[in-house]
Amino acid sequence: MDKITEIRNEIDKVDESIKDLLGKRFELVKQVKEAKREANYDVEDINRELDILACFNDSQYHKQLVKIYSKIFEVCKEMQVDK
């Protein structure tokens, strides 16, 4: 197996973990949706989003993480809106 294939196999493992963790996150989003509805909270909580993004301030991948999490926030907010 060449080096590129080895690295890609490791990336595949990481991607599988990311998929599983996002699935868990989405299940929790369903729960928070119900809790917000019961407490009459808005779907969007910008302070919560900013707190999460602040955790990445010292990461060398700050810019990339902000882009990814901005999309995750968008998807999670969509999940909380009744359609």
PDB file of N, CA and C in Angstrom:
ATOM      1  N   MET A   1       0.850  -1.175   0.000  1.00  0.00           N
ATOM      2  CA  MET A   1       0.000   0.000   0.000  1.00  0.00           C
ATOM      3  C   MET A   1       0.897   1.240   0.000  1.00  0.00           C
ATOM      4  N   ASP A   2       0.600   2.167  -0.892  1.00  0.00           N
ATOM      5  CA  ASP A   2       1.416   3.377  -0.955  1.00  0.00           C
ATOM      6  C   ASP A   2       0.999   4.377   0.127  1.00  0.00           C
ATOM      7  N   LYS A   3       1.817   5.375   0.323  1.00  0.00           N
ATOM      8  CA  LYS A   3       1.610   6.354   1.395  1.00  0.00           C
ATOM      9  C   LYS A   3       0.270   7.089   1.250  1.00  0.00           C
ATOM     10  N   ILE A   4      -0.095   7.467   0.033  1.00  0.00           N
ATOM     11  CA  ILE A   4      -1.355   8.188  -0.181  1.00  0.00           C
ATOM     12  C   ILE A   4      -2.539   7.316   0.231  1.00  0.00           C
ATOM     13  N   THR A   5      -2.513   6.058  -0.143  1.00  0.00           N
ATOM     14  CA  THR A   5      -3.594   5.139   0.223  1.00  0.00           C
ATOM     15  C   THR A   5      -3.680   4.983   1.735  1.00  0.00           C
ATOM     16  N   GLU A   6      -2.543   4.881   2.395  1.00  0.00           N
ATOM     17  CA  GLU A   6      -2.530   4.775   3.852  1.00  0.00           C
ATOM     18  C   GLU A   6      -3.156   6.002   4.500  1.00  0.00           C
ATOM     19  N   ILE A   7      -2.766   7.162   4.030  1.00  0.00           N
ATOM     20  CA  ILE A   7      -3.303   8.414   4.579  1.00  0.00           C
ATOM     21  C   ILE A   7      -4.803   8.504   4.319  1.00  0.00           C
ATOM     22  N   ARG A   8      -5.226   8.149   3.123  1.00  0.00           N
ATOM     23  CA  ARG A   8      -6.652   8.196   2.796  1.00  0.00           C
ATOM     24  C   ARG A   8      -7.455   7.216   3.647  1.00  0.00           C
ATOM     25  N   ASN A   9      -6.877   6.081   3.959  1.00  0.00           N
ATOM     26  CA  ASN A   9      -7.559   5.130   4.836  1.00  0.00           C
ATOM     27  C   ASN A   9      -7.759   5.729   6.229  1.00  0.00           C
ATOM     28  N   GLU A  10      -6.765   6.462   6.706  1.00  0.00           N
ATOM     29  CA  GLU A  10      -6.899   7.145   8.005  1.00  0.00           C
ATOM     30  C   GLU A  10      -7.961   8.236   7.923  1.00  0.00           C
ATOM     31  N   ILE A  11      -7.984   8.973   6.820  1.00  0.00           N
ATOM     32  CA  ILE A  11      -9.019   9.999   6.626  1.00  0.00           C
ATOM     33  C   ILE A  11     -10.396   9.359   6.636  1.00  0.00           C
ATOM     34  N   ASP A  12     -10.532   8.203   5.985  1.00  0.00           N
ATOM     35  CA  ASP A  12     -11.819   7.495   5.970  1.00  0.00           C
ATOM     36  C   ASP A  12     -12.275   7.147   7.380  1.00  0.00           C
ATOM     37  N   LYS A  13     -11.344   6.737   8.236  1.00  0.00           N
ATOM     38  CA  LYS A  13     -11.680   6.416   9.631  1.00  0.00           C
ATOM     39  C   LYS A  13     -12.152   7.666  10.377  1.00  0.00           C
ATOM     40  N   VAL A  14     -11.450   8.766  10.160  1.00  0.00           N
ATOM     41  CA  VAL A  14     -11.841  10.024  10.797  1.00  0.00           C
ATOM     42  C   VAL A  14     -13.219  10.444  10.296  1.00  0.00           C
ATOM     43  N   ASP A  15     -13.450  10.330   8.995  1.00  0.00           N
ATOM     44  CA  ASP A  15     -14.748  10.691   8.431  1.00  0.00           C
ATOM     45  C   ASP A  15     -15.881   9.852   9.021  1.00  0.00           C
ATOM     46  N   GLU A  16     -15.629   8.585   9.253  1.00  0.00           N
ATOM     47  CA  GLU A  16     -16.633   7.713   9.865  1.00  0.00           C
ATOM     48  C   GLU A  16     -16.949   8.199  11.281  1.00  0.00           C
ATOM     49  N   SER A  17     -15.931   8.594  12.022  1.00  0.00           N
ATOM     50  CA  SER A  17     -16.142   9.133  13.370  1.00  0.00           C
ATOM     51  C   SER A  17     -16.926  10.438  13.325  1.00  0.00           C
ATOM     52  N   ILE A  18     -16.584  11.294  12.385  1.00  0.00           N
ATOM     53  CA  ILE A  18     -17.298  12.573  12.239  1.00  0.00           C
ATOM     54  C   ILE A  18     -18.770  12.313  11.937  1.00  0.00           C
ATOM     55  N   LYS A  19     -19.036  11.383  11.024  1.00  0.00           N
ATOM     56  CA  LYS A  19     -20.419  11.042  10.671  1.00  0.00           C
ATOM     57  C   LYS A  19     -21.185  10.576  11.910  1.00  0.00           C
ATOM     58  N   ASP A  20     -20.576   9.700  12.701  1.00  0.00           N
ATOM     59  CA  ASP A  20     -21.233   9.204  13.907  1.00  0.00           C
ATOM     60  C   ASP A  20     -21.489  10.326  14.915  1.00  0.00           C
ATOM     61  N   LEU A  21     -20.509  11.188  15.106  1.00  0.00           N
ATOM     62  CA  LEU A  21     -20.653  12.291  16.061  1.00  0.00           C
ATOM     63  C   LEU A  21     -21.692  13.306  15.598  1.00  0.00           C
ATOM     64  N   LEU A  22     -21.743  13.572  14.303  1.00  0.00           N
ATOM     65  CA  LEU A  22     -22.778  14.483  13.800  1.00  0.00           C
ATOM     66  C   LEU A  22     -24.159  13.863  13.984  1.00  0.00           C
ATOM     67  N   GLY A  23     -24.262  12.569  13.782  1.00  0.00           N
ATOM     68  CA  GLY A  23     -25.531  11.899  14.028  1.00  0.00           C
ATOM     69  C   GLY A  23     -25.976  12.061  15.472  1.00  0.00           C
ATOM     70  N   LYS A  24     -25.045  11.918  16.400  1.00  0.00           N
ATOM     71  CA  LYS A  24     -25.354  12.125  17.821  1.00  0.00           C
ATOM     72  C   LYS A  24     -25.767  13.572  18.076  1.00  0.00           C
ATOM     73  N   ARG A  25     -25.061  14.502  17.432  1.00  0.00           N
ATOM     74  CA  ARG A  25     -25.384  15.925  17.593  1.00  0.00           C
ATOM     75  C   ARG A  25     -26.802  16.203  17.104  1.00  0.00           C
ATOM     76  N   PHE A  26     -27.156  15.631  15.959  1.00  0.00           N
ATOM     77  CA  PHE A  26     -28.484  15.850  15.389  1.00  0.00           C
ATOM     78  C   PHE A  26     -29.575  15.270  16.300  1.00  0.00           C
ATOM     79  N   GLU A  27     -29.298  14.137  16.932  1.00  0.00           N
ATOM     80  CA  GLU A  27     -30.266  13.579  17.875  1.00  0.00           C
ATOM     81  C   GLU A  27     -30.456  14.533  19.065  1.00  0.00           C
ATOM     82  N   LEU A  28     -29.379  15.125  19.529  1.00  0.00           N
ATOM     83  CA  LEU A  28     -29.467  16.087  20.627  1.00  0.00           C
ATOM     84  C   LEU A  28     -30.198  17.355  20.196  1.00  0.00           C
ATOM     85  N   VAL A  29     -30.016  17.747  18.945  1.00  0.00           N
ATOM     86  CA  VAL A  29     -30.722  18.920  18.416  1.00  0.00           C
ATOM     87  C   VAL A  29     -32.234  18.676  18.465  1.00  0.00           C
ATOM     88  N   LYS A  30     -32.660  17.461  18.154  1.00  0.00           N
ATOM     89  CA  LYS A  30     -34.087  17.140  18.248  1.00  0.00           C
ATOM     90  C   LYS A  30     -34.584  17.345  19.673  1.00  0.00           C
ATOM     91  N   GLN A  31     -33.763  16.945  20.639  1.00  0.00           N
ATOM     92  CA  GLN A  31     -34.150  17.099  22.045  1.00  0.00           C
ATOM     93  C   GLN A  31     -34.199  18.569  22.450  1.00  0.00           C
ATOM     94  N   VAL A  32     -33.209  19.328  22.014  1.00  0.00           N
ATOM     95  CA  VAL A  32     -33.176  20.748  22.385  1.00  0.00           C
ATOM     96  C   VAL A  32     -34.322  21.496  21.694  1.00  0.00           C
ATOM     97  N   LYS A  33     -34.715  21.035  20.519  1.00  0.00           N
ATOM     98  CA  LYS A  33     -35.865  21.641  19.829  1.00  0.00           C
ATOM     99  C   LYS A  33     -37.098  21.557  20.706  1.00  0.00           C
ATOM    100  N   GLU A  34     -37.350  20.379  21.267  1.00  0.00           N
ATOM    101  CA  GLU A  34     -38.515  20.194  22.132  1.00  0.00           C
ATOM    102  C   GLU A  34     -38.389  21.020  23.407  1.00  0.00           C
ATOM    103  N   ALA A  35     -37.201  21.047  23.986  1.00  0.00           N
ATOM    104  CA  ALA A  35     -36.989  21.828  25.212  1.00  0.00           C
ATOM    105  C   ALA A  35     -37.181  23.318  24.952  1.00  0.00           C
ATOM    106  N   LYS A  36     -36.708  23.786  23.811  1.00  0.00           N
ATOM    107  CA  LYS A  36     -36.898  25.202  23.466  1.00  0.00           C
ATOM    108  C   LYS A  36     -38.370  25.514  23.253  1.00  0.00           C
ATOM    109  N   ARG A  37     -39.069  24.591  22.611  1.00  0.00           N
ATOM    110  CA  ARG A  37     -40.506  24.807  22.381  1.00  0.00           C
ATOM    111  C   ARG A  37     -41.240  24.904  23.716  1.00  0.00           C
ATOM    112  N   GLU A  38     -40.941  23.983  24.626  1.00  0.00           N
ATOM    113  CA  GLU A  38     -41.596  23.982  25.939  1.00  0.00           C
ATOM    114  C   GLU A  38     -41.266  25.241  26.742  1.00  0.00           C
ATOM    115  N   ALA A  39     -40.037  25.730  26.610  1.00  0.00           N
ATOM    116  CA  ALA A  39     -39.606  26.915  27.363  1.00  0.00           C
ATOM    117  C   ALA A  39     -39.880  28.212  26.612  1.00  0.00           C
ATOM    118  N   ASN A  40     -40.443  28.085  25.403  1.00  0.00           N
ATOM    119  CA  ASN A  40     -40.749  29.246  24.563  1.00  0.00           C
ATOM    120  C   ASN A  40     -39.492  30.054  24.214  1.00  0.00           C
ATOM    121  N   TYR A  41     -38.413  29.338  23.888  1.00  0.00           N
ATOM    122  CA  TYR A  41     -37.155  29.972  23.469  1.00  0.00           C
ATOM    123  C   TYR A  41     -37.120  30.069  21.954  1.00  0.00           C
ATOM    124  N   ASP A  42     -36.367  31.054  21.468  1.00  0.00           N
ATOM    125  CA  ASP A  42     -36.138  31.168  20.034  1.00  0.00           C
ATOM    126  C   ASP A  42     -35.231  30.032  19.563  1.00  0.00           C
ATOM    127  N   VAL A  43     -35.360  29.696  18.285  1.00  0.00           N
ATOM    128  CA  VAL A  43     -34.491  28.679  17.692  1.00  0.00           C
ATOM    129  C   VAL A  43     -33.046  29.161  17.716  1.00  0.00           C
ATOM    130  N   GLU A  44     -32.824  30.383  17.284  1.00  0.00           N
ATOM    131  CA  GLU A  44     -31.451  30.896  17.194  1.00  0.00           C
ATOM    132  C   GLU A  44     -30.981  31.430  18.540  1.00  0.00           C
ATOM    133  N   ASP A  45     -29.779  31.029  18.911  1.00  0.00           N
ATOM    134  CA  ASP A  45     -29.140  31.521  20.131  1.00  0.00           C
ATOM    135  C   ASP A  45     -27.723  31.947  19.745  1.00  0.00           C
ATOM    136  N   ILE A  46     -27.597  33.172  19.297  1.00  0.00           N
ATOM    137  CA  ILE A  46     -26.325  33.665  18.776  1.00  0.00           C
ATOM    138  C   ILE A  46     -25.229  33.629  19.835  1.00  0.00           C
ATOM    139  N   ASN A  47     -25.577  33.859  21.093  1.00  0.00           N
ATOM    140  CA  ASN A  47     -24.563  33.804  22.155  1.00  0.00           C
ATOM    141  C   ASN A  47     -23.983  32.403  22.289  1.00  0.00           C
ATOM    142  N   ARG A  48     -24.841  31.402  22.166  1.00  0.00           N
ATOM    143  CA  ARG A  48     -24.371  30.014  22.221  1.00  0.00           C
ATOM    144  C   ARG A  48     -23.424  29.737  21.057  1.00  0.00           C
ATOM    145  N   GLU A  49     -23.804  30.196  19.863  1.00  0.00           N
ATOM    146  CA  GLU A  49     -22.950  29.996  18.694  1.00  0.00           C
ATOM    147  C   GLU A  49     -21.595  30.675  18.877  1.00  0.00           C
ATOM    148  N   LEU A  50     -21.608  31.895  19.376  1.00  0.00           N
ATOM    149  CA  LEU A  50     -20.353  32.624  19.586  1.00  0.00           C
ATOM    150  C   LEU A  50     -19.478  31.945  20.632  1.00  0.00           C
ATOM    151  N   ASP A  51     -20.090  31.398  21.668  1.00  0.00           N
ATOM    152  CA  ASP A  51     -19.338  30.662  22.691  1.00  0.00           C
ATOM    153  C   ASP A  51     -18.642  29.445  22.084  1.00  0.00           C
ATOM    154  N   ILE A  52     -19.364  28.725  21.238  1.00  0.00           N
ATOM    155  CA  ILE A  52     -18.780  27.544  20.595  1.00  0.00           C
ATOM    156  C   ILE A  52     -17.631  27.960  19.676  1.00  0.00           C
ATOM    157  N   LEU A  53     -17.852  28.990  18.866  1.00  0.00           N
ATOM    158  CA  LEU A  53     -16.807  29.444  17.949  1.00  0.00           C
ATOM    159  C   LEU A  53     -15.581  29.955  18.697  1.00  0.00           C
ATOM    160  N   ALA A  54     -15.785  30.536  19.864  1.00  0.00           N
ATOM    161  CA  ALA A  54     -14.660  31.052  20.652  1.00  0.00           C
ATOM    162  C   ALA A  54     -13.711  29.936  21.078  1.00  0.00           C
ATOM    163  N   CYS A  55     -14.226  28.724  21.179  1.00  0.00           N
ATOM    164  CA  CYS A  55     -13.376  27.586  21.550  1.00  0.00           C
ATOM    165  C   CYS A  55     -12.288  27.319  20.515  1.00  0.00           C
ATOM    166  N   PHE A  56     -12.468  27.818  19.315  1.00  0.00           N
ATOM    167  CA  PHE A  56     -11.515  27.572  18.236  1.00  0.00           C
ATOM    168  C   PHE A  56     -10.497  28.698  18.061  1.00  0.00           C
ATOM    169  N   ASN A  57     -10.559  29.707  18.909  1.00  0.00           N
ATOM    170  CA  ASN A  57      -9.698  30.881  18.724  1.00  0.00           C
ATOM    171  C   ASN A  57      -8.213  30.556  18.671  1.00  0.00           C
ATOM    172  N   ASP A  58      -7.761  29.565  19.470  1.00  0.00           N
ATOM    173  CA  ASP A  58      -6.330  29.268  19.446  1.00  0.00           C
ATOM    174  C   ASP A  58      -5.966  28.112  18.526  1.00  0.00           C
ATOM    175  N   SER A  59      -6.899  27.659  17.727  1.00  0.00           N
ATOM    176  CA  SER A  59      -6.603  26.579  16.789  1.00  0.00           C
ATOM    177  C   SER A  59      -5.924  27.119  15.537  1.00  0.00           C
ATOM    178  N   GLN A  60      -4.967  26.367  15.043  1.00  0.00           N
ATOM    179  CA  GLN A  60      -4.336  26.754  13.786  1.00  0.00           C
ATOM    180  C   GLN A  60      -5.326  26.653  12.620  1.00  0.00           C
ATOM    181  N   TYR A  61      -6.447  25.959  12.857  1.00  0.00           N
ATOM    182  CA  TYR A  61      -7.471  25.781  11.827  1.00  0.00           C
ATOM    183  C   TYR A  61      -8.718  26.611  12.123  1.00  0.00           C
ATOM    184  N   HIS A  62      -8.544  27.700  12.850  1.00  0.00           N
ATOM    185  CA  HIS A  62      -9.657  28.557  13.264  1.00  0.00           C
ATOM    186  C   HIS A  62     -10.577  28.907  12.100  1.00  0.00           C
ATOM    187  N   LYS A  63     -10.028  29.413  11.028  1.00  0.00           N
ATOM    188  CA  LYS A  63     -10.828  29.856   9.873  1.00  0.00           C
ATOM    189  C   LYS A  63     -11.649  28.693   9.305  1.00  0.00           C
ATOM    190  N   GLN A  64     -11.033  27.541   9.162  1.00  0.00           N
ATOM    191  CA  GLN A  64     -11.722  26.385   8.604  1.00  0.00           C
ATOM    192  C   GLN A  64     -12.815  25.884   9.554  1.00  0.00           C
ATOM    193  N   LEU A  65     -12.513  25.861  10.856  1.00  0.00           N
ATOM    194  CA  LEU A  65     -13.492  25.408  11.833  1.00  0.00           C
ATOM    195  C   LEU A  65     -14.696  26.338  11.904  1.00  0.00           C
ATOM    196  N   VAL A  66     -14.465  27.635  11.803  1.00  0.00           N
ATOM    197  CA  VAL A  66     -15.573  28.593  11.810  1.00  0.00           C
ATOM    198  C   VAL A  66     -16.478  28.349  10.600  1.00  0.00           C
ATOM    199  N   LYS A  67     -15.893  28.100   9.449  1.00  0.00           N
ATOM    200  CA  LYS A  67     -16.702  27.811   8.255  1.00  0.00           C
ATOM    201  C   LYS A  67     -17.538  26.551   8.443  1.00  0.00           C
ATOM    202  N   ILE A  68     -16.903  25.501   8.940  1.00  0.00           N
ATOM    203  CA  ILE A  68     -17.607  24.229   9.121  1.00  0.00           C
ATOM    204  C   ILE A  68     -18.717  24.373  10.155  1.00  0.00           C
ATOM    205  N   TYR A  69     -18.403  24.980  11.292  1.00  0.00           N
ATOM    206  CA  TYR A  69     -19.409  25.103  12.341  1.00  0.00           C
ATOM    207  C   TYR A  69     -20.525  26.061  11.963  1.00  0.00           C
ATOM    208  N   SER A  70     -20.236  27.055  11.171  1.00  0.00           N
ATOM    209  CA  SER A  70     -21.297  27.940  10.694  1.00  0.00           C
ATOM    210  C   SER A  70     -22.320  27.143   9.897  1.00  0.00           C
ATOM    211  N   LYS A  71     -21.850  26.216   9.094  1.00  0.00           N
ATOM    212  CA  LYS A  71     -22.757  25.356   8.327  1.00  0.00           C
ATOM    213  C   LYS A  71     -23.498  24.397   9.251  1.00  0.00           C
ATOM    214  N   ILE A  72     -22.803  23.841  10.229  1.00  0.00           N
ATOM    215  CA  ILE A  72     -23.468  22.951  11.197  1.00  0.00           C
ATOM    216  C   ILE A  72     -24.577  23.713  11.920  1.00  0.00           C
ATOM    217  N   PHE A  73     -24.303  24.940  12.357  1.00  0.00           N
ATOM    218  CA  PHE A  73     -25.320  25.749  13.026  1.00  0.00           C
ATOM    219  C   PHE A  73     -26.528  25.952  12.106  1.00  0.00           C
ATOM    220  N   GLU A  74     -26.256  26.257  10.851  1.00  0.00           N
ATOM    221  CA  GLU A  74     -27.330  26.490   9.880  1.00  0.00           C
ATOM    222  C   GLU A  74     -28.220  25.245   9.750  1.00  0.00           C
ATOM    223  N   VAL A  75     -27.605  24.105   9.595  1.00  0.00           N
ATOM    224  CA  VAL A  75     -28.346  22.853   9.446  1.00  0.00           C
ATOM    225  C   VAL A  75     -29.144  22.548  10.719  1.00  0.00           C
ATOM    226  N   CYS A  76     -28.528  22.748  11.868  1.00  0.00           N
ATOM    227  CA  CYS A  76     -29.205  22.459  13.134  1.00  0.00           C
ATOM    228  C   CYS A  76     -30.389  23.397  13.370  1.00  0.00           C
ATOM    229  N   LYS A  77     -30.246  24.648  12.975  1.00  0.00           N
ATOM    230  CA  LYS A  77     -31.375  25.582  13.107  1.00  0.00           C
ATOM    231  C   LYS A  77     -32.506  25.170  12.169  1.00  0.00           C
ATOM    232  N   GLU A  78     -32.160  24.726  10.963  1.00  0.00           N
ATOM    233  CA  GLU A  78     -33.183  24.243  10.030  1.00  0.00           C
ATOM    234  C   GLU A  78     -33.946  23.060  10.628  1.00  0.00           C
ATOM    235  N   MET A  79     -33.238  22.194  11.334  1.00  0.00           N
ATOM    236  CA  MET A  79     -33.857  21.030  11.960  1.00  0.00           C
ATOM    237  C   MET A  79     -34.850  21.439  13.061  1.00  0.00           C
ATOM    238  N   GLN A  80     -34.666  22.621  13.630  1.00  0.00           N
ATOM    239  CA  GLN A  80     -35.499  23.061  14.746  1.00  0.00           C
ATOM    240  C   GLN A  80     -36.733  23.839  14.310  1.00  0.00           C
ATOM    241  N   VAL A  81     -36.814  24.116  13.024  1.00  0.00           N
ATOM    242  CA  VAL A  81     -37.958  24.893  12.506  1.00  0.00           C
ATOM    243  C   VAL A  81     -39.011  23.911  12.008  1.00  0.00           C
ATOM    244  N   ASP A  82     -40.238  24.097  12.465  1.00  0.00           N
ATOM    245  CA  ASP A  82     -41.334  23.249  11.991  1.00  0.00           C
ATOM    246  C   ASP A  82     -41.631  23.554  10.528  1.00  0.00           C
ATOM    247  N   LYS A  83     -41.773  22.481   9.777  1.00  0.00           N
ATOM    248  CA  LYS A  83     -42.069  22.665   8.348  1.00  0.00           C
ATOM    249  C   LYS A  83     -43.336  21.969   7.992  1.00  0.00           C
TER     250      LYS A  83
END
